[in-house]
C-alpha atoms as a PDB file:
ATOM      1  CA  SER A   1     -33.028  44.279 -22.975  1.00  0.00           C
ATOM      2  CA  SER A   2     -32.414  41.757 -25.715  1.00  0.00           C
ATOM      3  CA  SER A   3     -35.422  40.422 -27.545  1.00  0.00           C
ATOM      4  CA  PRO A   4     -35.448  36.909 -28.976  1.00  0.00           C
ATOM      5  CA  HIS A   5     -34.246  36.502 -32.549  1.00  0.00           C
ATOM      6  CA  ARG A   6     -37.205  34.798 -34.212  1.00  0.00           C
ATOM      7  CA  PRO A   7     -39.699  36.761 -32.195  1.00  0.00           C
ATOM      8  CA  GLY A   8     -38.588  39.840 -34.067  1.00  0.00           C
ATOM      9  CA  ALA A   9     -35.279  41.192 -32.913  1.00  0.00           C
ATOM     10  CA  PRO A  10     -33.821  43.534 -35.518  1.00  0.00           C
ATOM     11  CA  VAL A  11     -30.770  42.086 -37.205  1.00  0.00           C
ATOM     12  CA  ILE A  12     -27.660  44.186 -37.646  1.00  0.00           C
ATOM     13  CA  PRO A  13     -25.734  44.052 -40.925  1.00  0.00           C
ATOM     14  CA  VAL A  14     -22.734  42.260 -39.367  1.00  0.00           C
ATOM     15  CA  ALA A  15     -25.000  39.448 -38.209  1.00  0.00           C
ATOM     16  CA  LEU A  16     -26.616  39.288 -41.636  1.00  0.00           C
ATOM     17  CA  ARG A  17     -23.216  39.073 -43.329  1.00  0.00           C
ATOM     18  CA  SER A  18     -22.172  36.331 -40.901  1.00  0.00           C
ATOM     19  CA  LEU A  19     -25.390  34.433 -41.565  1.00  0.00           C
ATOM     20  CA  GLY A  20     -24.989  34.858 -45.306  1.00  0.00           C
ATOM     21  CA  LEU A  21     -21.454  33.473 -45.204  1.00  0.00           C
ATOM     22  CA  LEU A  22     -22.514  30.602 -42.962  1.00  0.00           C
ATOM     23  CA  ALA A  23     -25.444  29.844 -45.246  1.00  0.00           C
ATOM     24  CA  LEU A  24     -23.283  29.848 -48.364  1.00  0.00           C
ATOM     25  CA  LEU A  25     -20.713  27.558 -46.796  1.00  0.00           C
ATOM     26  CA  LEU A  26     -23.320  25.160 -45.481  1.00  0.00           C
ATOM     27  CA  VAL A  27     -25.373  25.122 -48.661  1.00  0.00           C
ATOM     28  CA  ALA A  28     -22.207  24.439 -50.670  1.00  0.00           C
ATOM     29  CA  GLY A  29     -21.444  21.523 -48.369  1.00  0.00           C
ATOM     30  CA  CYS A  30     -25.031  20.304 -48.614  1.00  0.00           C
ATOM     31  CA  SER A  31     -25.420  20.680 -52.352  1.00  0.00           C
ATOM     32  CA  GLY A  32     -24.251  17.222 -53.305  1.00  0.00           C
ATOM     33  CA  GLY A  33     -22.702  18.569 -56.503  1.00  0.00           C
ATOM     34  CA  GLY A  34     -19.237  17.868 -57.775  1.00  0.00           C
ATOM     35  CA  ASP A  35     -16.869  15.282 -56.384  1.00  0.00           C
ATOM     36  CA  PRO A  36     -17.383  15.421 -52.603  1.00  0.00           C
ATOM     37  CA  GLY A  37     -14.324  15.243 -50.427  1.00  0.00           C
ATOM     38  CA  THR A  38     -11.797  16.237 -53.061  1.00  0.00           C
ATOM     39  CA  SER A  39     -10.159  19.597 -53.253  1.00  0.00           C
ATOM     40  CA  GLY A  40      -8.696  19.425 -56.731  1.00  0.00           C
ATOM     41  CA  SER A  41      -5.171  19.955 -55.447  1.00  0.00           C
ATOM     42  CA  SER A  42      -2.307  17.487 -55.498  1.00  0.00           C
ATOM     43  CA  ASP A  43      -0.883  16.718 -52.095  1.00  0.00           C
ATOM     44  CA  ALA A  44       1.254  13.661 -52.887  1.00  0.00           C
ATOM     45  CA  PRO A  45       4.540  13.772 -54.844  1.00  0.00           C
ATOM     46  CA  ASP A  46       3.050  11.676 -57.670  1.00  0.00           C
ATOM     47  CA  GLY A  47       0.309  14.281 -58.214  1.00  0.00           C
ATOM     48  CA  SER A  48      -2.469  12.213 -56.647  1.00  0.00           C
ATOM     49  CA  SER A  49      -4.387  13.354 -53.638  1.00  0.00           C
ATOM     50  CA  ALA A  50      -2.869  12.047 -50.406  1.00  0.00           C
ATOM     51  CA  ARG A  51      -6.118  12.554 -48.525  1.00  0.00           C
ATOM     52  CA  GLN A  52      -8.929  10.052 -48.696  1.00  0.00           C
ATOM     53  CA  PRO A  53     -12.328  11.570 -49.412  1.00  0.00           C
ATOM     54  CA  PRO A  54     -14.759  11.411 -46.505  1.00  0.00           C
ATOM     55  CA  SER A  55     -17.466   8.829 -46.612  1.00  0.00           C
ATOM     56  CA  VAL A  56     -20.361  10.297 -48.567  1.00  0.00           C
ATOM     57  CA  PRO A  57     -23.821   8.848 -48.008  1.00  0.00           C
ATOM     58  CA  ALA A  58     -25.634   7.561 -51.085  1.00  0.00           C
ATOM     59  CA  GLU A  59     -28.463   9.811 -52.272  1.00  0.00           C
ATOM     60  CA  SER A  60     -31.039   7.502 -50.665  1.00  0.00           C
ATOM     61  CA  GLU A  61     -29.152   7.844 -47.371  1.00  0.00           C
ATOM     62  CA  ARG A  62     -29.089  11.628 -47.739  1.00  0.00           C
ATOM     63  CA  ASP A  63     -32.827  11.543 -48.414  1.00  0.00           C
ATOM     64  CA  ARG A  64     -33.263   9.537 -45.211  1.00  0.00           C
ATOM     65  CA  LEU A  65     -31.123  12.076 -43.297  1.00  0.00           C
ATOM     66  CA  ARG A  66     -33.147  14.986 -44.735  1.00  0.00           C
ATOM     67  CA  ALA A  67     -36.309  13.216 -43.569  1.00  0.00           C
ATOM     68  CA  GLU A  68     -34.748  12.801 -40.099  1.00  0.00           C
ATOM     69  CA  LEU A  69     -33.897  16.498 -40.022  1.00  0.00           C
ATOM     70  CA  ALA A  70     -37.425  17.427 -41.132  1.00  0.00           C
ATOM     71  CA  ALA A  71     -38.765  15.311 -38.269  1.00  0.00           C
ATOM     72  CA  ALA A  72     -36.351  17.019 -35.835  1.00  0.00           C
ATOM     73  CA  GLU A  73     -37.548  20.435 -37.035  1.00  0.00           C
ATOM     74  CA  ALA A  74     -41.195  19.407 -36.553  1.00  0.00           C
ATOM     75  CA  ALA A  75     -40.415  17.994 -33.094  1.00  0.00           C
ATOM     76  CA  PHE A  76     -38.660  21.281 -32.205  1.00  0.00           C
ATOM     77  CA  GLU A  77     -41.740  23.306 -33.110  1.00  0.00           C
ATOM     78  CA  ARG A  78     -44.039  20.857 -31.289  1.00  0.00           C
ATOM     79  CA  ALA A  79     -41.832  21.014 -28.158  1.00  0.00           C
ATOM     80  CA  VAL A  80     -41.970  24.822 -28.207  1.00  0.00           C
ATOM     81  CA  SER A  81     -45.753  24.722 -28.573  1.00  0.00           C
ATOM     82  CA  GLU A  82     -46.142  22.255 -25.719  1.00  0.00           C
ATOM     83  CA  ARG A  83     -43.287  23.091 -23.333  1.00  0.00           C
ATOM     84  CA  LYS A  84     -42.493  26.695 -24.311  1.00  0.00           C
ATOM     85  CA  LEU A  85     -39.073  27.846 -23.063  1.00  0.00           C
ATOM     86  CA  ASP A  86     -37.893  24.356 -22.051  1.00  0.00           C
ATOM     87  CA  GLY A  87     -38.783  23.027 -25.503  1.00  0.00           C
ATOM     88  CA  TRP A  88     -36.829  25.861 -27.119  1.00  0.00           C
ATOM     89  CA  VAL A  89     -33.676  25.441 -25.038  1.00  0.00           C
ATOM     90  CA  GLU A  90     -33.561  21.631 -25.231  1.00  0.00           C
ATOM     91  CA  ALA A  91     -33.396  21.697 -29.054  1.00  0.00           C
ATOM     92  CA  PHE A  92     -29.950  23.348 -28.904  1.00  0.00           C
ATOM     93  CA  ALA A  93     -26.600  21.616 -28.499  1.00  0.00           C
ATOM     94  CA  SER A  94     -24.968  22.480 -25.169  1.00  0.00           C
ATOM     95  CA  ASN A  95     -22.721  24.974 -26.984  1.00  0.00           C
ATOM     96  CA  GLY A  96     -25.373  25.992 -29.524  1.00  0.00           C
ATOM     97  CA  MET A  97     -25.984  29.649 -30.246  1.00  0.00           C
ATOM     98  CA  MET A  98     -28.623  32.156 -31.212  1.00  0.00           C
ATOM     99  CA  ILE A  99     -27.277  35.003 -33.319  1.00  0.00           C
ATOM    100  CA  GLN A 100     -28.655  38.212 -31.832  1.00  0.00           C
ATOM    101  CA  PRO A 101     -28.292  41.878 -32.879  1.00  0.00           C
ATOM    102  CA  ASP A 102     -25.780  42.517 -30.089  1.00  0.00           C
ATOM    103  CA  GLY A 103     -23.818  39.310 -30.680  1.00  0.00           C
ATOM    104  CA  PRO A 104     -24.256  35.586 -30.307  1.00  0.00           C
ATOM    105  CA  VAL A 105     -25.879  34.051 -27.247  1.00  0.00           C
ATOM    106  CA  VAL A 106     -24.110  30.758 -26.536  1.00  0.00           C
ATOM    107  CA  GLY A 107     -25.134  27.779 -24.414  1.00  0.00           C
ATOM    108  CA  HIS A 108     -28.313  26.661 -22.721  1.00  0.00           C
ATOM    109  CA  GLU A 109     -28.138  29.184 -19.870  1.00  0.00           C
ATOM    110  CA  GLY A 110     -27.613  32.144 -22.196  1.00  0.00           C
ATOM    111  CA  ILE A 111     -30.337  30.981 -24.581  1.00  0.00           C
ATOM    112  CA  ARG A 112     -32.755  30.495 -21.683  1.00  0.00           C
ATOM    113  CA  LEU A 113     -32.057  34.039 -20.441  1.00  0.00           C
ATOM    114  CA  ALA A 114     -32.405  35.530 -23.934  1.00  0.00           C
ATOM    115  CA  MET A 115     -35.758  33.833 -24.565  1.00  0.00           C
ATOM    116  CA  ALA A 116     -37.252  34.067 -21.061  1.00  0.00           C
ATOM    117  CA  GLY A 117     -38.990  37.388 -21.704  1.00  0.00           C
ATOM    118  CA  ALA A 118     -40.840  36.220 -24.796  1.00  0.00           C
ATOM    119  CA  PHE A 119     -41.984  32.961 -23.218  1.00  0.00           C
ATOM    120  CA  ALA A 120     -42.992  34.701 -19.957  1.00  0.00           C
ATOM    121  CA  ASP A 121     -45.858  36.279 -21.922  1.00  0.00           C
ATOM    122  CA  SER A 122     -48.661  33.709 -21.661  1.00  0.00           C
ATOM    123  CA  THR A 123     -50.153  34.962 -24.949  1.00  0.00           C
ATOM    124  CA  PHE A 124     -46.911  34.439 -26.894  1.00  0.00           C
ATOM    125  CA  SER A 125     -46.757  31.716 -29.532  1.00  0.00           C
ATOM    126  CA  LEU A 126     -44.145  30.932 -32.138  1.00  0.00           C
ATOM    127  CA  THR A 127     -44.664  28.745 -35.193  1.00  0.00           C
ATOM    128  CA  TRP A 128     -42.512  28.154 -38.241  1.00  0.00           C
ATOM    129  CA  THR A 129     -42.448  26.297 -41.522  1.00  0.00           C
ATOM    130  CA  PRO A 130     -39.249  25.184 -43.240  1.00  0.00           C
ATOM    131  CA  ASP A 131     -39.038  25.925 -46.958  1.00  0.00           C
ATOM    132  CA  LEU A 132     -35.663  24.240 -47.516  1.00  0.00           C
ATOM    133  CA  ILE A 133     -33.907  21.417 -45.713  1.00  0.00           C
ATOM    134  CA  GLY A 134     -30.409  20.300 -46.616  1.00  0.00           C
ATOM    135  CA  VAL A 135     -27.838  17.827 -45.316  1.00  0.00           C
ATOM    136  CA  SER A 136     -24.079  17.996 -45.785  1.00  0.00           C
ATOM    137  CA  ASN A 137     -22.301  15.509 -48.001  1.00  0.00           C
ATOM    138  CA  ASP A 138     -20.978  13.609 -44.988  1.00  0.00           C
ATOM    139  CA  GLY A 139     -24.361  13.633 -43.216  1.00  0.00           C
ATOM    140  CA  THR A 140     -23.145  15.394 -40.065  1.00  0.00           C
ATOM    141  CA  LEU A 141     -24.534  18.909 -40.635  1.00  0.00           C
ATOM    142  CA  GLY A 142     -27.831  20.169 -41.909  1.00  0.00           C
ATOM    143  CA  TYR A 143     -29.806  23.353 -42.281  1.00  0.00           C
ATOM    144  CA  THR A 144     -33.409  24.421 -42.282  1.00  0.00           C
ATOM    145  CA  THR A 145     -34.658  27.758 -43.499  1.00  0.00           C
ATOM    146  CA  GLY A 146     -38.142  29.113 -43.821  1.00  0.00           C
ATOM    147  CA  ARG A 147     -40.694  31.487 -42.359  1.00  0.00           C
ATOM    148  CA  TYR A 148     -41.809  32.062 -38.795  1.00  0.00           C
ATOM    149  CA  GLU A 149     -44.808  33.734 -37.207  1.00  0.00           C
ATOM    150  CA  ARG A 150     -45.045  35.018 -33.682  1.00  0.00           C
ATOM    151  CA  ARG A 151     -48.333  35.908 -32.069  1.00  0.00           C
ATOM    152  CA  ARG A 152     -49.155  37.668 -28.849  1.00  0.00           C
ATOM    153  CA  VAL A 153     -51.788  39.899 -27.347  1.00  0.00           C
ATOM    154  CA  VAL A 154     -50.884  43.567 -26.950  1.00  0.00           C
ATOM    155  CA  ASP A 155     -53.387  45.928 -25.316  1.00  0.00           C
ATOM    156  CA  GLY A 156     -56.156  43.369 -25.782  1.00  0.00           C
ATOM    157  CA  GLU A 157     -55.457  42.927 -29.499  1.00  0.00           C
ATOM    158  CA  GLU A 158     -53.815  39.842 -31.014  1.00  0.00           C
ATOM    159  CA  THR A 159     -50.790  40.746 -33.115  1.00  0.00           C
ATOM    160  CA  ALA A 160     -48.918  38.625 -35.611  1.00  0.00           C
ATOM    161  CA  GLN A 161     -45.455  39.266 -36.987  1.00  0.00           C
ATOM    162  CA  ARG A 162     -43.651  37.262 -39.633  1.00  0.00           C
ATOM    163  CA  GLY A 163     -40.036  36.848 -40.657  1.00  0.00           C
ATOM    164  CA  SER A 164     -37.501  34.336 -41.913  1.00  0.00           C
ATOM    165  CA  TYR A 165     -35.081  32.045 -40.110  1.00  0.00           C
ATOM    166  CA  PHE A 166     -32.006  29.965 -40.786  1.00  0.00           C
ATOM    167  CA  THR A 167     -30.960  27.105 -38.479  1.00  0.00           C
ATOM    168  CA  VAL A 168     -27.808  24.991 -38.592  1.00  0.00           C
ATOM    169  CA  TRP A 169     -28.107  21.504 -37.115  1.00  0.00           C
ATOM    170  CA  ARG A 170     -25.505  18.877 -36.196  1.00  0.00           C
ATOM    171  CA  ARG A 171     -26.258  15.164 -36.110  1.00  0.00           C
ATOM    172  CA  GLN A 172     -25.103  13.730 -32.794  1.00  0.00           C
ATOM    173  CA  PRO A 173     -23.344  10.357 -32.407  1.00  0.00           C
ATOM    174  CA  ASP A 174     -26.623   8.918 -31.078  1.00  0.00           C
ATOM    175  CA  GLY A 175     -28.464  10.049 -34.244  1.00  0.00           C
ATOM    176  CA  ARG A 176     -30.306  13.036 -32.747  1.00  0.00           C
ATOM    177  CA  TRP A 177     -30.152  16.384 -34.542  1.00  0.00           C
ATOM    178  CA  LEU A 178     -29.446  19.405 -32.311  1.00  0.00           C
ATOM    179  CA  VAL A 179     -29.327  23.103 -33.182  1.00  0.00           C
ATOM    180  CA  GLU A 180     -25.817  24.543 -33.481  1.00  0.00           C
ATOM    181  CA  ALA A 181     -26.818  28.046 -34.614  1.00  0.00           C
ATOM    182  CA  ASP A 182     -30.116  29.802 -35.156  1.00  0.00           C
ATOM    183  CA  MET A 183     -30.963  33.236 -36.515  1.00  0.00           C
ATOM    184  CA  GLY A 184     -34.109  35.031 -37.524  1.00  0.00           C
ATOM    185  CA  THR A 185     -34.726  38.200 -39.465  1.00  0.00           C
ATOM    186  CA  GLU A 186     -36.601  41.234 -38.394  1.00  0.00           C
ATOM    187  CA  PRO A 187     -40.341  40.787 -38.969  1.00  0.00           C
ATOM    188  CA  SER A 188     -41.315  41.816 -42.476  1.00  0.00           C
ATOM    189  CA  ASN A 189     -44.530  43.444 -41.320  1.00  0.00           C
ATOM    190  CA  PRO A 190     -45.506  45.687 -38.425  1.00  0.00           C
ATOM    191  CA  PRO A 191     -47.694  44.234 -35.679  1.00  0.00           C
ATOM    192  CA  ASP A 192     -51.307  43.740 -36.781  1.00  0.00           C
END
């Protein structure tokens, strides 16, 4: 049986390499450094770039988008606290994925099935705190990364396990942020 990613599923090296590559690409796109939208190559015969750079939000706009994403992350955690499995699933885009040890779980139905076991435990809780929040230069993608804690009662004793997570978000045409991909690490400590 597959255990949920943040609630402590071990992560295989392939998934970690995939996450690392995804993180590097996204962070590079969210860094705001350099001349966004230009590749440095000449596409036109006169040596100029034939492509127009994408519209890049001003730094104040990117700050506003980061604040929006922080609010979406907080709403996600609140929804999970209040509505459990439904709150978890509804934060994902319809084709969003959770990266699991045995491969990605894609779509609402798959995510619901993957997380059902954890949320079926009435003592289970999941909280998290983002340490970094970034938004891409064009304002359409973002990421959050930080630490999570899961708690549950096992044999009458409350246990707590902690780990790290990385979530990729996409801003929807209506302005909402939805999860495109989410992955957590193996807990860094054994159950209490």
